[in-house]
Amino acid sequence: MLTMYNKVVEACIKNANYYELFRERLDHIAEMASGIGWGYGDTLAESYFTLRGYYEEEEELE
């Protein structure tokens, strides 16, 4: 699941339309994964916050 999640994150970085389409779902998945253990939720959250940070930086530059 981590690999697929990261592939979607990468696609969202390349295409803002995907980000808008999947943002809420990616956030929800990261939230639901917290507490699973072995760093799984932390890894998903890190990917999600990297993606979110990418778009927040773009908005600040505009």
PDB file of N, CA and C in Angstrom:
ATOM      1  N   MET A   1       0.818  -1.195   0.000  1.00  0.00           N
ATOM      2  CA  MET A   1       0.000   0.000   0.000  1.00  0.00           C
ATOM      3  C   MET A   1       0.866   1.264   0.000  1.00  0.00           C
ATOM      4  N   LEU A   2       1.986   1.242   0.680  1.00  0.00           N
ATOM      5  CA  LEU A   2       2.860   2.420   0.686  1.00  0.00           C
ATOM      6  C   LEU A   2       3.302   2.799  -0.714  1.00  0.00           C
ATOM      7  N   THR A   3       3.635   1.801  -1.509  1.00  0.00           N
ATOM      8  CA  THR A   3       4.101   2.066  -2.865  1.00  0.00           C
ATOM      9  C   THR A   3       3.013   2.736  -3.692  1.00  0.00           C
ATOM     10  N   MET A   4       1.803   2.246  -3.621  1.00  0.00           N
ATOM     11  CA  MET A   4       0.700   2.828  -4.392  1.00  0.00           C
ATOM     12  C   MET A   4       0.365   4.226  -3.882  1.00  0.00           C
ATOM     13  N   TYR A   5       0.359   4.399  -2.582  1.00  0.00           N
ATOM     14  CA  TYR A   5       0.088   5.715  -2.003  1.00  0.00           C
ATOM     15  C   TYR A   5       1.113   6.723  -2.514  1.00  0.00           C
ATOM     16  N   ASN A   6       2.384   6.340  -2.496  1.00  0.00           N
ATOM     17  CA  ASN A   6       3.442   7.231  -2.960  1.00  0.00           C
ATOM     18  C   ASN A   6       3.345   7.504  -4.452  1.00  0.00           C
ATOM     19  N   LYS A   7       2.886   6.541  -5.230  1.00  0.00           N
ATOM     20  CA  LYS A   7       2.691   6.774  -6.663  1.00  0.00           C
ATOM     21  C   LYS A   7       1.609   7.821  -6.902  1.00  0.00           C
ATOM     22  N   VAL A   8       0.544   7.770  -6.108  1.00  0.00           N
ATOM     23  CA  VAL A   8      -0.522   8.766  -6.235  1.00  0.00           C
ATOM     24  C   VAL A   8       0.003  10.136  -5.812  1.00  0.00           C
ATOM     25  N   VAL A   9       0.771  10.181  -4.734  1.00  0.00           N
ATOM     26  CA  VAL A   9       1.366  11.443  -4.291  1.00  0.00           C
ATOM     27  C   VAL A   9       2.250  12.025  -5.395  1.00  0.00           C
ATOM     28  N   GLU A  10       3.075  11.202  -6.005  1.00  0.00           N
ATOM     29  CA  GLU A  10       3.940  11.670  -7.097  1.00  0.00           C
ATOM     30  C   GLU A  10       3.111  12.195  -8.264  1.00  0.00           C
ATOM     31  N   ALA A  11       2.030  11.502  -8.601  1.00  0.00           N
ATOM     32  CA  ALA A  11       1.164  11.957  -9.690  1.00  0.00           C
ATOM     33  C   ALA A  11       0.519  13.296  -9.340  1.00  0.00           C
ATOM     34  N   CYS A  12       0.168  13.477  -8.073  1.00  0.00           N
ATOM     35  CA  CYS A  12      -0.436  14.732  -7.637  1.00  0.00           C
ATOM     36  C   CYS A  12       0.557  15.889  -7.698  1.00  0.00           C
ATOM     37  N   ILE A  13       1.825  15.609  -7.436  1.00  0.00           N
ATOM     38  CA  ILE A  13       2.847  16.649  -7.539  1.00  0.00           C
ATOM     39  C   ILE A  13       3.007  17.080  -8.994  1.00  0.00           C
ATOM     40  N   LYS A  14       2.897  16.143  -9.901  1.00  0.00           N
ATOM     41  CA  LYS A  14       3.058  16.446 -11.323  1.00  0.00           C
ATOM     42  C   LYS A  14       1.823  17.111 -11.926  1.00  0.00           C
ATOM     43  N   ASN A  15       0.657  16.900 -11.310  1.00  0.00           N
ATOM     44  CA  ASN A  15      -0.591  17.383 -11.903  1.00  0.00           C
ATOM     45  C   ASN A  15      -1.502  17.932 -10.802  1.00  0.00           C
ATOM     46  N   ALA A  16      -1.690  19.232 -10.786  1.00  0.00           N
ATOM     47  CA  ALA A  16      -2.502  19.880  -9.758  1.00  0.00           C
ATOM     48  C   ALA A  16      -3.948  19.408  -9.778  1.00  0.00           C
ATOM     49  N   ASN A  17      -4.442  19.011 -10.940  1.00  0.00           N
ATOM     50  CA  ASN A  17      -5.819  18.500 -11.010  1.00  0.00           C
ATOM     51  C   ASN A  17      -5.972  17.230 -10.192  1.00  0.00           C
ATOM     52  N   TYR A  18      -4.961  16.376 -10.228  1.00  0.00           N
ATOM     53  CA  TYR A  18      -4.997  15.155  -9.407  1.00  0.00           C
ATOM     54  C   TYR A  18      -4.973  15.498  -7.930  1.00  0.00           C
ATOM     55  N   TYR A  19      -4.178  16.517  -7.581  1.00  0.00           N
ATOM     56  CA  TYR A  19      -4.109  16.944  -6.182  1.00  0.00           C
ATOM     57  C   TYR A  19      -5.493  17.348  -5.691  1.00  0.00           C
ATOM     58  N   GLU A  20      -6.180  18.165  -6.460  1.00  0.00           N
ATOM     59  CA  GLU A  20      -7.526  18.600  -6.067  1.00  0.00           C
ATOM     60  C   GLU A  20      -8.484  17.421  -5.979  1.00  0.00           C
ATOM     61  N   LEU A  21      -8.336  16.483  -6.873  1.00  0.00           N
ATOM     62  CA  LEU A  21      -9.218  15.317  -6.915  1.00  0.00           C
ATOM     63  C   LEU A  21      -8.989  14.369  -5.737  1.00  0.00           C
ATOM     64  N   PHE A  22      -7.727  14.154  -5.359  1.00  0.00           N
ATOM     65  CA  PHE A  22      -7.395  13.138  -4.361  1.00  0.00           C
ATOM     66  C   PHE A  22      -6.992  13.672  -2.991  1.00  0.00           C
ATOM     67  N   ARG A  23      -6.914  14.988  -2.835  1.00  0.00           N
ATOM     68  CA  ARG A  23      -6.409  15.573  -1.586  1.00  0.00           C
ATOM     69  C   ARG A  23      -7.138  15.073  -0.345  1.00  0.00           C
ATOM     70  N   GLU A  24      -8.441  15.139  -0.334  1.00  0.00           N
ATOM     71  CA  GLU A  24      -9.199  14.716   0.843  1.00  0.00           C
ATOM     72  C   GLU A  24      -9.040  13.223   1.110  1.00  0.00           C
ATOM     73  N   ARG A  25      -9.025  12.446   0.068  1.00  0.00           N
ATOM     74  CA  ARG A  25      -8.893  10.996   0.228  1.00  0.00           C
ATOM     75  C   ARG A  25      -7.506  10.622   0.773  1.00  0.00           C
ATOM     76  N   LEU A  26      -6.466  11.269   0.250  1.00  0.00           N
ATOM     77  CA  LEU A  26      -5.113  11.013   0.740  1.00  0.00           C
ATOM     78  C   LEU A  26      -4.988  11.404   2.206  1.00  0.00           C
ATOM     79  N   ASP A  27      -5.582  12.528   2.575  1.00  0.00           N
ATOM     80  CA  ASP A  27      -5.572  12.971   3.967  1.00  0.00           C
ATOM     81  C   ASP A  27      -6.281  11.947   4.850  1.00  0.00           C
ATOM     82  N   HIS A  28      -7.429  11.495   4.415  1.00  0.00           N
ATOM     83  CA  HIS A  28      -8.201  10.511   5.186  1.00  0.00           C
ATOM     84  C   HIS A  28      -7.420   9.203   5.366  1.00  0.00           C
ATOM     85  N   ILE A  29      -6.785   8.740   4.331  1.00  0.00           N
ATOM     86  CA  ILE A  29      -5.998   7.507   4.413  1.00  0.00           C
ATOM     87  C   ILE A  29      -4.855   7.671   5.408  1.00  0.00           C
ATOM     88  N   ALA A  30      -4.173   8.816   5.344  1.00  0.00           N
ATOM     89  CA  ALA A  30      -3.066   9.065   6.274  1.00  0.00           C
ATOM     90  C   ALA A  30      -3.569   9.102   7.712  1.00  0.00           C
ATOM     91  N   GLU A  31      -4.713   9.725   7.938  1.00  0.00           N
ATOM     92  CA  GLU A  31      -5.292   9.765   9.284  1.00  0.00           C
ATOM     93  C   GLU A  31      -5.675   8.374   9.779  1.00  0.00           C
ATOM     94  N   MET A  32      -6.294   7.589   8.924  1.00  0.00           N
ATOM     95  CA  MET A  32      -6.741   6.239   9.308  1.00  0.00           C
ATOM     96  C   MET A  32      -5.558   5.310   9.586  1.00  0.00           C
ATOM     97  N   ALA A  33      -4.418   5.574   8.967  1.00  0.00           N
ATOM     98  CA  ALA A  33      -3.255   4.708   9.115  1.00  0.00           C
ATOM     99  C   ALA A  33      -2.467   4.991  10.397  1.00  0.00           C
ATOM    100  N   SER A  34      -2.758   6.123  11.031  1.00  0.00           N
ATOM    101  CA  SER A  34      -2.005   6.441  12.246  1.00  0.00           C
ATOM    102  C   SER A  34      -2.300   5.401  13.315  1.00  0.00           C
ATOM    103  N   GLY A  35      -1.277   4.985  13.982  1.00  0.00           N
ATOM    104  CA  GLY A  35      -1.441   4.026  15.054  1.00  0.00           C
ATOM    105  C   GLY A  35      -1.414   2.566  14.624  1.00  0.00           C
ATOM    106  N   ILE A  36      -1.249   2.296  13.340  1.00  0.00           N
ATOM    107  CA  ILE A  36      -1.195   0.905  12.881  1.00  0.00           C
ATOM    108  C   ILE A  36       0.051   0.220  13.428  1.00  0.00           C
ATOM    109  N   GLY A  37       1.123   0.981  13.497  1.00  0.00           N
ATOM    110  CA  GLY A  37       2.367   0.432  14.041  1.00  0.00           C
ATOM    111  C   GLY A  37       3.446   0.307  12.990  1.00  0.00           C
ATOM    112  N   TRP A  38       4.660   0.059  13.477  1.00  0.00           N
ATOM    113  CA  TRP A  38       5.839  -0.148  12.646  1.00  0.00           C
ATOM    114  C   TRP A  38       6.133   1.032  11.737  1.00  0.00           C
ATOM    115  N   GLY A  39       5.647   2.210  12.100  1.00  0.00           N
ATOM    116  CA  GLY A  39       5.926   3.410  11.327  1.00  0.00           C
ATOM    117  C   GLY A  39       5.102   3.568  10.066  1.00  0.00           C
ATOM    118  N   TYR A  40       4.142   2.686   9.860  1.00  0.00           N
ATOM    119  CA  TYR A  40       3.334   2.717   8.640  1.00  0.00           C
ATOM    120  C   TYR A  40       2.584   4.044   8.506  1.00  0.00           C
ATOM    121  N   GLY A  41       1.861   4.413   9.537  1.00  0.00           N
ATOM    122  CA  GLY A  41       1.101   5.661   9.515  1.00  0.00           C
ATOM    123  C   GLY A  41       1.996   6.875   9.391  1.00  0.00           C
ATOM    124  N   ASP A  42       3.148   6.818  10.061  1.00  0.00           N
ATOM    125  CA  ASP A  42       4.099   7.926   9.983  1.00  0.00           C
ATOM    126  C   ASP A  42       4.609   8.114   8.561  1.00  0.00           C
ATOM    127  N   THR A  43       4.860   7.017   7.878  1.00  0.00           N
ATOM    128  CA  THR A  43       5.359   7.087   6.505  1.00  0.00           C
ATOM    129  C   THR A  43       4.310   7.682   5.572  1.00  0.00           C
ATOM    130  N   LEU A  44       3.051   7.263   5.734  1.00  0.00           N
ATOM    131  CA  LEU A  44       1.980   7.831   4.911  1.00  0.00           C
ATOM    132  C   LEU A  44       1.814   9.318   5.208  1.00  0.00           C
ATOM    133  N   ALA A  45       1.841   9.674   6.478  1.00  0.00           N
ATOM    134  CA  ALA A  45       1.682  11.074   6.858  1.00  0.00           C
ATOM    135  C   ALA A  45       2.813  11.920   6.290  1.00  0.00           C
ATOM    136  N   GLU A  46       4.028  11.407   6.337  1.00  0.00           N
ATOM    137  CA  GLU A  46       5.167  12.143   5.786  1.00  0.00           C
ATOM    138  C   GLU A  46       4.979  12.410   4.298  1.00  0.00           C
ATOM    139  N   SER A  47       4.536  11.408   3.564  1.00  0.00           N
ATOM    140  CA  SER A  47       4.291  11.585   2.127  1.00  0.00           C
ATOM    141  C   SER A  47       3.198  12.620   1.892  1.00  0.00           C
ATOM    142  N   TYR A  48       2.120  12.520   2.660  1.00  0.00           N
ATOM    143  CA  TYR A  48       1.006  13.450   2.486  1.00  0.00           C
ATOM    144  C   TYR A  48       1.431  14.884   2.802  1.00  0.00           C
ATOM    145  N   PHE A  49       2.144  15.075   3.907  1.00  0.00           N
ATOM    146  CA  PHE A  49       2.543  16.429   4.285  1.00  0.00           C
ATOM    147  C   PHE A  49       3.587  17.004   3.345  1.00  0.00           C
ATOM    148  N   THR A  50       4.386  16.161   2.726  1.00  0.00           N
ATOM    149  CA  THR A  50       5.310  16.620   1.691  1.00  0.00           C
ATOM    150  C   THR A  50       4.510  17.155   0.507  1.00  0.00           C
ATOM    151  N   LEU A  51       3.490  16.420   0.106  1.00  0.00           N
ATOM    152  CA  LEU A  51       2.622  16.843  -0.993  1.00  0.00           C
ATOM    153  C   LEU A  51       1.915  18.143  -0.645  1.00  0.00           C
ATOM    154  N   ARG A  52       1.331  18.198   0.525  1.00  0.00           N
ATOM    155  CA  ARG A  52       0.613  19.402   0.935  1.00  0.00           C
ATOM    156  C   ARG A  52       1.548  20.606   0.995  1.00  0.00           C
ATOM    157  N   GLY A  53       2.744  20.389   1.507  1.00  0.00           N
ATOM    158  CA  GLY A  53       3.730  21.458   1.577  1.00  0.00           C
ATOM    159  C   GLY A  53       4.117  21.972   0.207  1.00  0.00           C
ATOM    160  N   TYR A  54       4.191  21.064  -0.764  1.00  0.00           N
ATOM    161  CA  TYR A  54       4.523  21.438  -2.138  1.00  0.00           C
ATOM    162  C   TYR A  54       3.509  22.454  -2.664  1.00  0.00           C
ATOM    163  N   TYR A  55       2.228  22.189  -2.469  1.00  0.00           N
ATOM    164  CA  TYR A  55       1.203  23.091  -2.982  1.00  0.00           C
ATOM    165  C   TYR A  55       1.052  24.348  -2.135  1.00  0.00           C
ATOM    166  N   GLU A  56       1.317  24.264  -0.844  1.00  0.00           N
ATOM    167  CA  GLU A  56       1.253  25.465  -0.004  1.00  0.00           C
ATOM    168  C   GLU A  56       2.378  26.425  -0.390  1.00  0.00           C
ATOM    169  N   GLU A  57       3.558  25.903  -0.714  1.00  0.00           N
ATOM    170  CA  GLU A  57       4.675  26.748  -1.157  1.00  0.00           C
ATOM    171  C   GLU A  57       4.325  27.428  -2.470  1.00  0.00           C
ATOM    172  N   GLU A  58       3.687  26.709  -3.382  1.00  0.00           N
ATOM    173  CA  GLU A  58       3.304  27.290  -4.667  1.00  0.00           C
ATOM    174  C   GLU A  58       2.321  28.431  -4.462  1.00  0.00           C
ATOM    175  N   GLU A  59       1.365  28.254  -3.543  1.00  0.00           N
ATOM    176  CA  GLU A  59       0.369  29.286  -3.286  1.00  0.00           C
ATOM    177  C   GLU A  59       1.026  30.530  -2.704  1.00  0.00           C
ATOM    178  N   GLU A  60       2.034  30.352  -1.849  1.00  0.00           N
ATOM    179  CA  GLU A  60       2.727  31.478  -1.253  1.00  0.00           C
ATOM    180  C   GLU A  60       3.499  32.280  -2.297  1.00  0.00           C
ATOM    181  N   LEU A  61       4.001  31.594  -3.314  1.00  0.00           N
ATOM    182  CA  LEU A  61       4.774  32.265  -4.355  1.00  0.00           C
ATOM    183  C   LEU A  61       3.893  33.092  -5.302  1.00  0.00           C
ATOM    184  N   GLU A  62       2.627  32.741  -5.372  1.00  0.00           N
ATOM    185  CA  GLU A  62       1.726  33.431  -6.316  1.00  0.00           C
ATOM    186  C   GLU A  62       1.260  34.751  -5.808  1.00  0.00           C
TER     187      GLU A  62
END
